[in-house]
Amino acid sequence: MAGSDPKSTTETAKAFYTEGAIDLSTGHWKEHSKDAVKQDFNWFSGSEDVTSASESKPYTNPTSDYLFVIPQDFSQKTTSADALYVVVEYTISYSDQTTMKTKVYKQLDKEFEQGKAYTINLTIGLTPIEFDVTTVEGWTDINQVEINSWN
């Protein structure tokens, strides 16, 4: 996950703040400085062999792996607002040794709120990748939208 448009020719900006301050008397996070240090997050790198369109090889993160995010609002539409992109790069290798490399991305314009957990599901198949972000608390689905192809 990155903080700037993956099609940009400049280095990808970072997305997540690495520090913050919480007011223990209220339980609320204080405003982040726009100059604060941020980081990207690479959740999974690896390979899975799938030999047919009906075969499935789901990847499930170990139950000990979590990304804790300081409450952050990625839904603002101003040019100086923080941005969050999910970037997926994958290669499809065919039996005739042909390979097709693909990179797709989707900007998530969601506010990550205090006290809530979110699940990001990616479905990669021979059809387009589907992005789905849900709030674990309440199990609310996010509207399906078109994704942008890197190719």
N, C-alpha and C. Protein backbone atom coordinates (compact mmCIF):
# COMPACT_ATOMS: atom_id res chain seq x y z
N MET A 1 0.85 -1.15 0.00
CA MET A 1 0.00 0.00 0.00
C MET A 1 0.90 1.22 0.00
N ALA A 2 0.55 2.17 -0.84
CA ALA A 2 1.39 3.35 -1.01
C ALA A 2 0.56 4.61 -0.89
N GLY A 3 1.25 5.76 -0.86
CA GLY A 3 0.57 7.01 -0.61
C GLY A 3 0.48 7.95 -1.79
N SER A 4 0.91 7.53 -2.98
CA SER A 4 0.77 8.39 -4.14
C SER A 4 0.39 7.55 -5.34
N ASP A 5 -0.04 8.21 -6.39
CA ASP A 5 -0.49 7.54 -7.60
C ASP A 5 0.61 6.62 -8.12
N PRO A 6 0.37 5.32 -8.21
CA PRO A 6 1.38 4.38 -8.68
C PRO A 6 1.82 4.62 -10.12
N LYS A 7 1.06 5.37 -10.91
CA LYS A 7 1.47 5.65 -12.28
C LYS A 7 2.45 6.82 -12.34
N SER A 8 2.67 7.48 -11.22
CA SER A 8 3.59 8.61 -11.17
C SER A 8 5.00 8.15 -11.50
N THR A 9 5.77 9.00 -12.16
CA THR A 9 7.16 8.65 -12.48
C THR A 9 8.10 8.98 -11.34
N THR A 10 7.62 9.68 -10.34
CA THR A 10 8.45 9.98 -9.17
C THR A 10 8.33 8.84 -8.16
N GLU A 11 9.22 8.84 -7.20
CA GLU A 11 9.18 7.80 -6.17
C GLU A 11 7.84 7.82 -5.45
N THR A 12 7.32 6.64 -5.17
CA THR A 12 6.03 6.52 -4.49
C THR A 12 6.11 7.17 -3.12
N ALA A 13 5.13 8.00 -2.81
CA ALA A 13 5.06 8.63 -1.49
C ALA A 13 4.62 7.60 -0.46
N LYS A 14 4.92 7.85 0.75
CA LYS A 14 4.54 6.97 1.85
C LYS A 14 3.09 7.26 2.25
N ALA A 15 2.41 6.27 2.85
CA ALA A 15 0.99 6.42 3.15
C ALA A 15 0.66 6.53 4.63
N PHE A 16 1.35 5.78 5.46
CA PHE A 16 0.93 5.65 6.85
C PHE A 16 1.86 6.41 7.79
N TYR A 17 1.27 7.16 8.72
CA TYR A 17 2.07 7.84 9.74
C TYR A 17 2.69 6.81 10.67
N THR A 18 3.94 7.03 11.06
CA THR A 18 4.63 6.10 11.95
C THR A 18 4.54 6.52 13.41
N GLU A 19 3.99 7.69 13.67
CA GLU A 19 3.85 8.14 15.05
C GLU A 19 2.66 9.07 15.16
N GLY A 20 2.17 9.23 16.35
CA GLY A 20 1.05 10.12 16.59
C GLY A 20 0.92 10.35 18.09
N ALA A 21 -0.02 11.17 18.47
CA ALA A 21 -0.23 11.47 19.89
C ALA A 21 -1.71 11.27 20.21
N ILE A 22 -1.96 10.61 21.32
CA ILE A 22 -3.34 10.39 21.75
C ILE A 22 -3.55 11.13 23.08
N ASP A 23 -4.66 11.81 23.17
CA ASP A 23 -5.04 12.49 24.41
C ASP A 23 -5.76 11.46 25.26
N LEU A 24 -5.11 10.97 26.31
CA LEU A 24 -5.68 9.90 27.12
C LEU A 24 -6.92 10.33 27.89
N SER A 25 -7.09 11.62 28.09
CA SER A 25 -8.29 12.08 28.81
C SER A 25 -9.53 11.99 27.94
N THR A 26 -9.34 12.03 26.60
CA THR A 26 -10.49 11.95 25.69
C THR A 26 -10.48 10.70 24.83
N GLY A 27 -9.29 10.09 24.66
CA GLY A 27 -9.17 8.93 23.78
C GLY A 27 -9.09 9.29 22.32
N HIS A 28 -8.90 10.58 22.00
CA HIS A 28 -8.83 11.02 20.61
C HIS A 28 -7.39 11.28 20.19
N TRP A 29 -7.12 10.99 18.90
CA TRP A 29 -5.80 11.28 18.34
C TRP A 29 -5.72 12.75 17.99
N LYS A 30 -4.54 13.33 18.24
CA LYS A 30 -4.31 14.72 17.87
C LYS A 30 -3.97 14.78 16.39
N GLU A 31 -4.14 15.95 15.80
CA GLU A 31 -3.83 16.14 14.38
C GLU A 31 -2.38 15.75 14.09
N HIS A 32 -2.18 15.13 12.92
CA HIS A 32 -0.84 14.76 12.50
C HIS A 32 -0.19 15.96 11.84
N SER A 33 1.09 16.08 11.99
CA SER A 33 1.84 17.10 11.25
C SER A 33 2.01 16.60 9.83
N LYS A 34 1.81 17.46 8.85
CA LYS A 34 1.99 17.06 7.45
C LYS A 34 3.44 16.70 7.16
N ASP A 35 4.37 17.09 8.06
CA ASP A 35 5.78 16.78 7.88
C ASP A 35 6.18 15.50 8.62
N ALA A 36 5.23 14.84 9.24
CA ALA A 36 5.53 13.63 10.02
C ALA A 36 6.04 12.52 9.10
N VAL A 37 6.83 11.64 9.67
CA VAL A 37 7.39 10.51 8.93
C VAL A 37 6.27 9.53 8.60
N LYS A 38 6.28 9.01 7.36
CA LYS A 38 5.29 8.02 6.92
C LYS A 38 6.02 6.81 6.37
N GLN A 39 5.29 5.71 6.19
CA GLN A 39 5.87 4.50 5.63
C GLN A 39 4.88 3.82 4.70
N ASP A 40 5.40 2.98 3.78
CA ASP A 40 4.56 2.11 2.96
C ASP A 40 4.43 0.78 3.69
N PHE A 41 3.58 -0.10 3.18
CA PHE A 41 3.39 -1.39 3.82
C PHE A 41 3.27 -2.46 2.75
N ASN A 42 4.18 -3.43 2.73
CA ASN A 42 4.15 -4.54 1.79
C ASN A 42 3.65 -5.76 2.55
N TRP A 43 2.39 -6.12 2.30
CA TRP A 43 1.77 -7.18 3.09
C TRP A 43 2.21 -8.57 2.64
N PHE A 44 2.29 -8.82 1.33
CA PHE A 44 2.60 -10.16 0.85
C PHE A 44 3.42 -10.10 -0.42
N SER A 45 4.49 -10.85 -0.45
CA SER A 45 5.26 -11.08 -1.66
C SER A 45 5.47 -12.58 -1.73
N GLY A 46 5.16 -13.17 -2.86
CA GLY A 46 5.31 -14.61 -2.98
C GLY A 46 4.66 -15.09 -4.26
N SER A 47 4.52 -16.39 -4.40
CA SER A 47 3.89 -16.92 -5.60
C SER A 47 2.95 -18.05 -5.23
N GLU A 48 1.95 -18.21 -6.06
CA GLU A 48 0.99 -19.31 -5.95
C GLU A 48 0.77 -19.84 -7.36
N ASP A 49 0.85 -21.16 -7.54
CA ASP A 49 0.61 -21.76 -8.85
C ASP A 49 -0.84 -22.18 -8.96
N VAL A 50 -1.52 -21.66 -9.97
CA VAL A 50 -2.91 -22.02 -10.25
C VAL A 50 -2.94 -22.51 -11.69
N THR A 51 -3.49 -23.71 -11.91
CA THR A 51 -3.41 -24.32 -13.24
C THR A 51 -4.72 -24.28 -14.02
N SER A 52 -5.80 -23.80 -13.42
CA SER A 52 -7.06 -23.69 -14.16
C SER A 52 -7.86 -22.52 -13.63
N ALA A 53 -8.82 -22.08 -14.44
CA ALA A 53 -9.65 -20.94 -14.06
C ALA A 53 -10.53 -21.24 -12.85
N SER A 54 -10.80 -22.52 -12.61
CA SER A 54 -11.67 -22.88 -11.49
C SER A 54 -10.89 -23.17 -10.20
N GLU A 55 -9.56 -23.21 -10.29
CA GLU A 55 -8.74 -23.50 -9.11
C GLU A 55 -8.56 -22.25 -8.27
N SER A 56 -8.52 -22.44 -6.97
CA SER A 56 -8.36 -21.31 -6.05
C SER A 56 -7.22 -21.59 -5.08
N LYS A 57 -6.40 -20.60 -4.85
CA LYS A 57 -5.31 -20.72 -3.87
C LYS A 57 -5.35 -19.47 -2.99
N PRO A 58 -6.27 -19.42 -2.07
CA PRO A 58 -6.35 -18.21 -1.24
C PRO A 58 -5.13 -18.07 -0.34
N TYR A 59 -4.69 -16.84 -0.18
CA TYR A 59 -3.61 -16.53 0.75
C TYR A 59 -4.24 -15.89 1.97
N THR A 60 -3.98 -16.44 3.11
CA THR A 60 -4.49 -15.88 4.35
C THR A 60 -3.31 -15.50 5.21
N ASN A 61 -3.28 -14.27 5.66
CA ASN A 61 -2.19 -13.83 6.53
C ASN A 61 -2.24 -14.59 7.84
N PRO A 62 -1.06 -14.86 8.42
CA PRO A 62 -1.05 -15.49 9.74
C PRO A 62 -1.84 -14.64 10.74
N THR A 63 -2.45 -15.29 11.70
CA THR A 63 -3.27 -14.55 12.66
C THR A 63 -2.45 -13.61 13.52
N SER A 64 -1.13 -13.73 13.46
CA SER A 64 -0.27 -12.83 14.24
C SER A 64 0.12 -11.58 13.46
N ASP A 65 -0.29 -11.46 12.18
CA ASP A 65 0.08 -10.32 11.34
C ASP A 65 -1.06 -9.31 11.27
N TYR A 66 -0.77 -8.09 11.69
CA TYR A 66 -1.75 -7.01 11.64
C TYR A 66 -1.05 -5.73 11.25
N LEU A 67 -1.76 -4.83 10.65
CA LEU A 67 -1.27 -3.48 10.40
C LEU A 67 -2.14 -2.56 11.23
N PHE A 68 -1.56 -1.93 12.22
CA PHE A 68 -2.30 -0.98 13.04
C PHE A 68 -2.08 0.40 12.44
N VAL A 69 -3.17 1.10 12.17
CA VAL A 69 -3.10 2.40 11.51
C VAL A 69 -3.60 3.47 12.46
N ILE A 70 -2.80 4.51 12.63
CA ILE A 70 -3.25 5.67 13.39
C ILE A 70 -4.45 6.23 12.64
N PRO A 71 -5.55 6.55 13.32
CA PRO A 71 -6.72 7.07 12.61
C PRO A 71 -6.31 8.15 11.61
N GLN A 72 -6.74 7.95 10.37
CA GLN A 72 -6.30 8.81 9.28
C GLN A 72 -7.43 8.92 8.27
N ASP A 73 -7.63 10.10 7.71
CA ASP A 73 -8.73 10.34 6.77
C ASP A 73 -8.19 10.42 5.35
N PHE A 74 -8.43 9.36 4.57
CA PHE A 74 -8.03 9.33 3.17
C PHE A 74 -9.19 9.73 2.25
N SER A 75 -10.30 10.20 2.82
CA SER A 75 -11.48 10.53 2.00
C SER A 75 -11.50 11.98 1.55
N GLN A 76 -10.59 12.80 2.04
CA GLN A 76 -10.57 14.22 1.67
C GLN A 76 -10.18 14.37 0.20
N LYS A 77 -10.75 15.34 -0.46
CA LYS A 77 -10.55 15.51 -1.91
C LYS A 77 -9.64 16.68 -2.26
N THR A 78 -8.88 17.23 -1.32
CA THR A 78 -8.01 18.35 -1.62
C THR A 78 -6.67 17.84 -2.16
N THR A 79 -5.93 18.70 -2.84
CA THR A 79 -4.65 18.28 -3.43
C THR A 79 -3.60 17.99 -2.37
N SER A 80 -3.72 18.58 -1.19
CA SER A 80 -2.73 18.34 -0.14
C SER A 80 -3.14 17.20 0.80
N ALA A 81 -4.28 16.58 0.54
CA ALA A 81 -4.77 15.51 1.42
C ALA A 81 -3.91 14.25 1.27
N ASP A 82 -3.86 13.47 2.35
CA ASP A 82 -3.17 12.18 2.29
C ASP A 82 -3.93 11.26 1.34
N ALA A 83 -3.19 10.38 0.66
CA ALA A 83 -3.80 9.43 -0.28
C ALA A 83 -3.33 8.03 0.06
N LEU A 84 -4.18 7.04 -0.21
CA LEU A 84 -3.84 5.64 0.03
C LEU A 84 -4.19 4.84 -1.22
N TYR A 85 -3.22 4.10 -1.73
CA TYR A 85 -3.42 3.24 -2.89
C TYR A 85 -3.07 1.81 -2.51
N VAL A 86 -3.87 0.85 -2.97
CA VAL A 86 -3.52 -0.55 -2.91
C VAL A 86 -2.96 -0.89 -4.28
N VAL A 87 -1.74 -1.40 -4.33
CA VAL A 87 -1.06 -1.71 -5.59
C VAL A 87 -0.83 -3.21 -5.63
N VAL A 88 -1.22 -3.85 -6.73
CA VAL A 88 -1.03 -5.29 -6.90
C VAL A 88 -0.24 -5.52 -8.17
N GLU A 89 0.87 -6.23 -8.05
CA GLU A 89 1.66 -6.63 -9.21
C GLU A 89 1.68 -8.15 -9.25
N TYR A 90 1.38 -8.71 -10.41
CA TYR A 90 1.39 -10.17 -10.52
C TYR A 90 1.75 -10.59 -11.93
N THR A 91 2.18 -11.85 -12.07
CA THR A 91 2.57 -12.41 -13.36
C THR A 91 1.76 -13.68 -13.58
N ILE A 92 1.17 -13.79 -14.77
CA ILE A 92 0.49 -15.02 -15.17
C ILE A 92 1.41 -15.72 -16.15
N SER A 93 1.78 -16.98 -15.83
CA SER A 93 2.64 -17.78 -16.70
C SER A 93 1.81 -18.88 -17.32
N TYR A 94 1.85 -18.97 -18.64
CA TYR A 94 1.08 -19.98 -19.37
C TYR A 94 1.97 -21.19 -19.68
N SER A 95 1.34 -22.33 -20.00
CA SER A 95 2.08 -23.56 -20.25
C SER A 95 3.01 -23.46 -21.45
N ASP A 96 2.76 -22.53 -22.38
CA ASP A 96 3.65 -22.37 -23.54
C ASP A 96 4.81 -21.41 -23.23
N GLN A 97 5.07 -21.16 -21.95
CA GLN A 97 6.14 -20.30 -21.45
C GLN A 97 5.89 -18.81 -21.66
N THR A 98 4.71 -18.44 -22.17
CA THR A 98 4.34 -17.03 -22.29
C THR A 98 4.01 -16.50 -20.90
N THR A 99 4.44 -15.28 -20.62
CA THR A 99 4.10 -14.67 -19.34
C THR A 99 3.45 -13.31 -19.58
N MET A 100 2.58 -12.95 -18.69
CA MET A 100 1.92 -11.64 -18.76
C MET A 100 2.04 -10.99 -17.39
N LYS A 101 2.79 -9.88 -17.33
CA LYS A 101 2.96 -9.14 -16.08
C LYS A 101 1.91 -8.04 -16.03
N THR A 102 1.28 -7.91 -14.89
CA THR A 102 0.22 -6.92 -14.73
C THR A 102 0.42 -6.17 -13.42
N LYS A 103 0.12 -4.89 -13.46
CA LYS A 103 0.15 -4.06 -12.25
C LYS A 103 -1.13 -3.23 -12.26
N VAL A 104 -1.92 -3.36 -11.21
CA VAL A 104 -3.16 -2.60 -11.09
C VAL A 104 -3.16 -1.90 -9.74
N TYR A 105 -3.96 -0.87 -9.64
CA TYR A 105 -4.04 -0.15 -8.38
C TYR A 105 -5.43 0.41 -8.20
N LYS A 106 -5.74 0.73 -6.97
CA LYS A 106 -7.02 1.34 -6.63
C LYS A 106 -6.77 2.30 -5.48
N GLN A 107 -7.24 3.54 -5.64
CA GLN A 107 -7.14 4.49 -4.55
C GLN A 107 -8.29 4.22 -3.59
N LEU A 108 -7.97 4.11 -2.31
CA LEU A 108 -8.99 3.92 -1.29
C LEU A 108 -9.27 5.28 -0.67
N ASP A 109 -10.48 5.77 -0.87
CA ASP A 109 -10.84 7.07 -0.30
C ASP A 109 -11.77 6.85 0.88
N LYS A 110 -11.18 6.35 1.93
CA LYS A 110 -11.93 5.96 3.13
C LYS A 110 -11.26 6.58 4.35
N GLU A 111 -12.06 6.92 5.33
CA GLU A 111 -11.51 7.39 6.59
C GLU A 111 -11.31 6.19 7.51
N PHE A 112 -10.08 5.98 7.96
CA PHE A 112 -9.80 4.92 8.91
C PHE A 112 -10.08 5.50 10.30
N GLU A 113 -11.14 5.01 10.92
CA GLU A 113 -11.61 5.59 12.18
C GLU A 113 -11.07 4.84 13.39
N GLN A 114 -10.98 5.56 14.48
CA GLN A 114 -10.50 5.00 15.74
C GLN A 114 -11.46 3.91 16.22
N GLY A 115 -10.91 2.80 16.69
CA GLY A 115 -11.71 1.74 17.29
C GLY A 115 -12.37 0.81 16.30
N LYS A 116 -12.05 0.92 15.01
CA LYS A 116 -12.64 0.03 14.01
C LYS A 116 -11.55 -0.76 13.33
N ALA A 117 -11.90 -1.95 12.87
CA ALA A 117 -10.99 -2.79 12.12
C ALA A 117 -11.50 -2.89 10.69
N TYR A 118 -10.59 -2.95 9.73
CA TYR A 118 -10.96 -3.00 8.32
C TYR A 118 -10.29 -4.20 7.68
N THR A 119 -10.99 -4.81 6.74
CA THR A 119 -10.45 -5.91 5.97
C THR A 119 -10.39 -5.49 4.51
N ILE A 120 -9.24 -5.70 3.87
CA ILE A 120 -9.10 -5.42 2.44
C ILE A 120 -8.98 -6.77 1.75
N ASN A 121 -9.95 -7.08 0.90
CA ASN A 121 -9.95 -8.34 0.16
C ASN A 121 -9.64 -8.07 -1.30
N LEU A 122 -8.71 -8.83 -1.86
CA LEU A 122 -8.38 -8.75 -3.27
C LEU A 122 -8.66 -10.11 -3.88
N THR A 123 -9.38 -10.14 -4.99
CA THR A 123 -9.64 -11.37 -5.70
C THR A 123 -8.94 -11.29 -7.04
N ILE A 124 -7.93 -12.13 -7.25
CA ILE A 124 -7.15 -12.13 -8.49
C ILE A 124 -7.52 -13.39 -9.24
N GLY A 125 -7.97 -13.24 -10.46
CA GLY A 125 -8.32 -14.38 -11.29
C GLY A 125 -7.98 -14.09 -12.74
N LEU A 126 -8.53 -14.88 -13.62
CA LEU A 126 -8.31 -14.64 -15.05
C LEU A 126 -9.18 -13.50 -15.55
N THR A 127 -10.07 -13.04 -14.71
CA THR A 127 -10.88 -11.86 -14.99
C THR A 127 -10.26 -10.70 -14.20
N PRO A 128 -10.76 -9.48 -14.33
CA PRO A 128 -10.15 -8.36 -13.61
C PRO A 128 -10.11 -8.58 -12.10
N ILE A 129 -9.13 -7.94 -11.46
CA ILE A 129 -9.01 -8.01 -10.01
C ILE A 129 -10.14 -7.21 -9.40
N GLU A 130 -10.73 -7.74 -8.35
CA GLU A 130 -11.79 -7.03 -7.64
C GLU A 130 -11.24 -6.56 -6.30
N PHE A 131 -11.46 -5.30 -5.99
CA PHE A 131 -11.06 -4.72 -4.71
C PHE A 131 -12.30 -4.57 -3.86
N ASP A 132 -12.21 -4.93 -2.60
CA ASP A 132 -13.34 -4.79 -1.70
C ASP A 132 -12.80 -4.41 -0.33
N VAL A 133 -13.26 -3.31 0.21
CA VAL A 133 -12.85 -2.89 1.54
C VAL A 133 -14.08 -2.89 2.42
N THR A 134 -13.98 -3.56 3.55
CA THR A 134 -15.12 -3.59 4.47
C THR A 134 -14.65 -3.22 5.86
N THR A 135 -15.56 -2.67 6.61
CA THR A 135 -15.32 -2.39 8.02
C THR A 135 -15.72 -3.64 8.77
N VAL A 136 -14.80 -4.21 9.51
CA VAL A 136 -15.10 -5.45 10.23
C VAL A 136 -16.24 -5.22 11.21
N GLU A 137 -16.19 -4.11 11.94
CA GLU A 137 -17.27 -3.79 12.87
C GLU A 137 -18.46 -3.31 12.06
N GLY A 138 -19.53 -4.06 12.03
CA GLY A 138 -20.71 -3.69 11.26
C GLY A 138 -20.79 -4.40 9.92
N TRP A 139 -19.68 -4.94 9.43
CA TRP A 139 -19.64 -5.68 8.18
C TRP A 139 -20.34 -4.95 7.04
N THR A 140 -20.01 -3.69 6.84
CA THR A 140 -20.61 -2.89 5.78
C THR A 140 -19.79 -3.01 4.51
N ASP A 141 -20.43 -3.36 3.39
CA ASP A 141 -19.72 -3.44 2.11
C ASP A 141 -19.50 -2.05 1.54
N ILE A 142 -18.41 -1.88 0.82
CA ILE A 142 -18.09 -0.64 0.13
C ILE A 142 -18.54 -0.81 -1.33
N ASN A 143 -19.02 0.27 -1.94
CA ASN A 143 -19.49 0.19 -3.32
C ASN A 143 -18.39 -0.31 -4.24
N GLN A 144 -18.75 -1.18 -5.16
CA GLN A 144 -17.80 -1.68 -6.15
C GLN A 144 -17.59 -0.61 -7.20
N VAL A 145 -16.34 -0.37 -7.57
CA VAL A 145 -16.02 0.63 -8.59
C VAL A 145 -14.99 0.05 -9.54
N GLU A 146 -14.83 0.71 -10.67
CA GLU A 146 -13.84 0.28 -11.65
C GLU A 146 -12.43 0.48 -11.09
N ILE A 147 -11.51 -0.42 -11.47
CA ILE A 147 -10.12 -0.24 -11.09
C ILE A 147 -9.34 0.19 -12.32
N ASN A 148 -8.17 0.73 -12.10
CA ASN A 148 -7.34 1.26 -13.18
C ASN A 148 -6.27 0.26 -13.55
N SER A 149 -6.15 -0.06 -14.83
CA SER A 149 -5.12 -0.97 -15.30
C SER A 149 -3.84 -0.20 -15.54
N TRP A 150 -2.74 -0.77 -15.13
CA TRP A 150 -1.44 -0.14 -15.33
C TRP A 150 -1.02 -0.29 -16.79
N ASN A 151 -1.49 -1.38 -17.45
CA ASN A 151 -1.06 -1.69 -18.83
C ASN A 151 -1.72 -0.79 -19.83
